[in-house]
C-alpha atoms as a PDB file:
ATOM      1  CA  MET A   1      -8.230 -18.279 -34.900  1.00  0.00           C
ATOM      2  CA  ALA A   2     -10.168 -18.169 -38.215  1.00  0.00           C
ATOM      3  CA  LEU A   3      -9.208 -19.072 -41.781  1.00  0.00           C
ATOM      4  CA  PHE A   4     -11.042 -17.694 -44.731  1.00  0.00           C
ATOM      5  CA  THR A   5     -10.557 -19.717 -47.977  1.00  0.00           C
ATOM      6  CA  HIS A   6     -11.936 -21.016 -51.222  1.00  0.00           C
ATOM      7  CA  VAL A   7      -9.884 -24.229 -51.010  1.00  0.00           C
ATOM      8  CA  GLU A   8     -11.815 -27.487 -50.752  1.00  0.00           C
ATOM      9  CA  ILE A   9     -12.051 -28.597 -47.133  1.00  0.00           C
ATOM     10  CA  ALA A  10     -10.863 -32.215 -47.867  1.00  0.00           C
ATOM     11  CA  LEU A  11      -7.519 -30.760 -49.276  1.00  0.00           C
ATOM     12  CA  LEU A  12      -7.185 -28.554 -46.155  1.00  0.00           C
ATOM     13  CA  ARG A  13      -7.770 -31.491 -43.824  1.00  0.00           C
ATOM     14  CA  ARG A  14      -5.438 -33.585 -45.672  1.00  0.00           C
ATOM     15  CA  GLU A  15      -2.692 -31.027 -45.403  1.00  0.00           C
ATOM     16  CA  ALA A  16      -3.499 -30.327 -41.701  1.00  0.00           C
ATOM     17  CA  ALA A  17      -3.147 -34.033 -40.936  1.00  0.00           C
ATOM     18  CA  THR A  18       0.552 -33.919 -41.909  1.00  0.00           C
ATOM     19  CA  LYS A  19       1.416 -31.125 -39.523  1.00  0.00           C
ATOM     20  CA  ALA A  20       1.452 -30.550 -35.762  1.00  0.00           C
ATOM     21  CA  ILE A  21      -0.975 -27.762 -35.345  1.00  0.00           C
ATOM     22  CA  HIS A  22      -1.593 -26.248 -31.824  1.00  0.00           C
ATOM     23  CA  LYS A  23      -5.217 -26.392 -31.029  1.00  0.00           C
ATOM     24  CA  VAL A  24      -6.269 -27.464 -34.554  1.00  0.00           C
ATOM     25  CA  GLU A  25      -9.754 -28.330 -33.374  1.00  0.00           C
ATOM     26  CA  ASP A  26     -10.280 -24.616 -32.443  1.00  0.00           C
ATOM     27  CA  ILE A  27      -9.389 -23.197 -35.877  1.00  0.00           C
ATOM     28  CA  GLU A  28     -12.602 -22.000 -37.636  1.00  0.00           C
ATOM     29  CA  VAL A  29     -12.460 -22.582 -41.441  1.00  0.00           C
ATOM     30  CA  TRP A  30     -14.902 -20.347 -43.377  1.00  0.00           C
ATOM     31  CA  ARG A  31     -15.270 -21.315 -46.913  1.00  0.00           C
ATOM     32  CA  PHE A  32     -16.501 -19.267 -49.838  1.00  0.00           C
ATOM     33  CA  ASN A  33     -17.189 -19.940 -53.466  1.00  0.00           C
ATOM     34  CA  PRO A  34     -14.213 -19.275 -55.886  1.00  0.00           C
ATOM     35  CA  ALA A  35     -16.416 -17.334 -58.143  1.00  0.00           C
ATOM     36  CA  PHE A  36     -16.344 -14.727 -55.344  1.00  0.00           C
ATOM     37  CA  LEU A  37     -12.551 -14.198 -55.856  1.00  0.00           C
ATOM     38  CA  ASP A  38     -13.199 -14.014 -59.661  1.00  0.00           C
ATOM     39  CA  ALA A  39     -15.666 -11.157 -58.997  1.00  0.00           C
ATOM     40  CA  LEU A  40     -13.161  -9.304 -56.953  1.00  0.00           C
ATOM     41  CA  GLU A  41     -10.305  -9.914 -59.339  1.00  0.00           C
ATOM     42  CA  ALA A  42     -11.912  -7.949 -61.990  1.00  0.00           C
ATOM     43  CA  LYS A  43     -12.102  -4.881 -59.748  1.00  0.00           C
ATOM     44  CA  VAL A  44      -8.997  -5.016 -57.517  1.00  0.00           C
ATOM     45  CA  GLY A  45      -5.928  -3.065 -58.498  1.00  0.00           C
ATOM     46  CA  ARG A  46      -2.610  -2.114 -56.860  1.00  0.00           C
ATOM     47  CA  ALA A  47      -4.054   0.842 -54.909  1.00  0.00           C
ATOM     48  CA  THR A  48      -7.580  -0.411 -54.349  1.00  0.00           C
ATOM     49  CA  LYS A  49      -9.276   0.480 -51.068  1.00  0.00           C
ATOM     50  CA  LEU A  50     -11.842  -1.858 -49.842  1.00  0.00           C
ATOM     51  CA  GLU A  51     -14.098  -2.431 -46.887  1.00  0.00           C
ATOM     52  CA  LEU A  52     -14.678  -5.969 -45.389  1.00  0.00           C
ATOM     53  CA  THR A  53     -17.706  -6.783 -43.368  1.00  0.00           C
ATOM     54  CA  ARG A  54     -18.612 -10.301 -42.023  1.00  0.00           C
ATOM     55  CA  THR A  55     -21.889 -10.963 -40.457  1.00  0.00           C
ATOM     56  CA  ASP A  56     -22.687 -14.629 -39.576  1.00  0.00           C
ATOM     57  CA  GLY A  57     -22.607 -16.518 -42.859  1.00  0.00           C
ATOM     58  CA  GLN A  58     -21.933 -13.603 -45.168  1.00  0.00           C
ATOM     59  CA  LEU A  59     -18.778 -11.839 -46.225  1.00  0.00           C
ATOM     60  CA  TYR A  60     -19.255  -8.336 -47.852  1.00  0.00           C
ATOM     61  CA  VAL A  61     -16.517  -6.626 -49.823  1.00  0.00           C
ATOM     62  CA  THR A  62     -17.190  -2.981 -50.785  1.00  0.00           C
ATOM     63  CA  LEU A  63     -15.002  -1.171 -53.342  1.00  0.00           C
ATOM     64  CA  ASP A  64     -15.611   1.777 -55.569  1.00  0.00           C
ATOM     65  CA  GLY A  65     -19.166   2.067 -54.124  1.00  0.00           C
ATOM     66  CA  GLU A  66     -20.032  -1.528 -55.174  1.00  0.00           C
ATOM     67  CA  THR A  67     -20.664  -4.397 -52.800  1.00  0.00           C
ATOM     68  CA  ILE A  68     -19.803  -7.958 -53.651  1.00  0.00           C
ATOM     69  CA  GLU A  69     -21.004 -10.642 -51.208  1.00  0.00           C
ATOM     70  CA  ALA A  70     -20.222 -14.356 -50.505  1.00  0.00           C
ATOM     71  CA  ALA A  71     -21.899 -16.891 -48.551  1.00  0.00           C
ATOM     72  CA  LEU A  72     -19.617 -18.456 -45.840  1.00  0.00           C
ATOM     73  CA  ALA A  73     -19.737 -22.027 -44.825  1.00  0.00           C
ATOM     74  CA  ARG A  74     -18.266 -22.921 -41.570  1.00  0.00           C
ATOM     75  CA  GLU A  75     -15.974 -26.066 -41.458  1.00  0.00           C
ATOM     76  CA  SER A  76     -13.389 -27.489 -39.275  1.00  0.00           C
ATOM     77  CA  LEU A  77      -9.873 -28.882 -39.970  1.00  0.00           C
ATOM     78  CA  VAL A  78     -10.923 -31.855 -37.808  1.00  0.00           C
ATOM     79  CA  GLU A  79     -13.329 -34.061 -39.647  1.00  0.00           C
ATOM     80  CA  ASP A  80     -15.585 -34.876 -36.602  1.00  0.00           C
ATOM     81  CA  ALA A  81     -15.938 -31.528 -35.347  1.00  0.00           C
ATOM     82  CA  VAL A  82     -19.304 -29.572 -35.101  1.00  0.00           C
ATOM     83  CA  GLY A  83     -20.026 -27.506 -38.262  1.00  0.00           C
ATOM     84  CA  SER A  84     -18.336 -30.097 -40.660  1.00  0.00           C
END
């Protein structure tokens, strides 16, 4: 299971700590900069078609022939997990 988000990891961990989440330690959290969403917002409409590609620590979104990319940081909902 993987979660892609711009939300700060401390907020996600705090929320996760209040819930019973099955195998929470196995959930990969991939964070990207909120500016990435800002860049997409200006180009996305109701009928927008886009292509998503993820390779290692990068996320690429191609729409209307333009590619916007974001660096991804791997995190965990468990504070002591690898990658935190």
